[in-house]
Amino acid sequence: QMQLVESGGGLVQAGGSLRLSCAASGGTWSTYAMGWFRQTPGQEREFVAAVSRIARNTGYADSVKGRFTISRDNAKNTVYLQMNSLKPEDTARYYCAARTDSWTNNYYTRSGDYAYWGQGTQVTVSA
């Protein structure tokens, strides 16, 4: 059973940066594709970024492309989300997600594609 724990959220001014981390345990890390999603109250969970099993391929929501970078450290069983040039509209709770995958190069952008979720970490960007 994969377990995911996010960290790194907080309060930052617009234009600032944060790096979120998601530490995984309980599964064979290299068999999982990973993703980041975010959610604000009353809204559906929104895709942010995803990475394939061996980090060969990544995908981003248009709203974060060029500002956010997803990466994974397969030696540390951790996936990261580097967030730069943050905007107030990036304020949300950010969730890490994982799914097993037979394909090494696929990444997934729908929340329903993922079987495992962390508890989330809050990111608040002030104007």
Foldseek 3Di string as FASTA:
>chain_A
DKAKAKDWADEEAAQAKIKMKIAIDDDQQLQKKKFKWWDDPPDDIFGAKTAFSVRPDMDGDPVQPPFWDWDDDNVRRMIMIIGGRDDQVVWTWMKMFIDGDPDRGDIDGDPVRTDYIYPTDTHGYHD
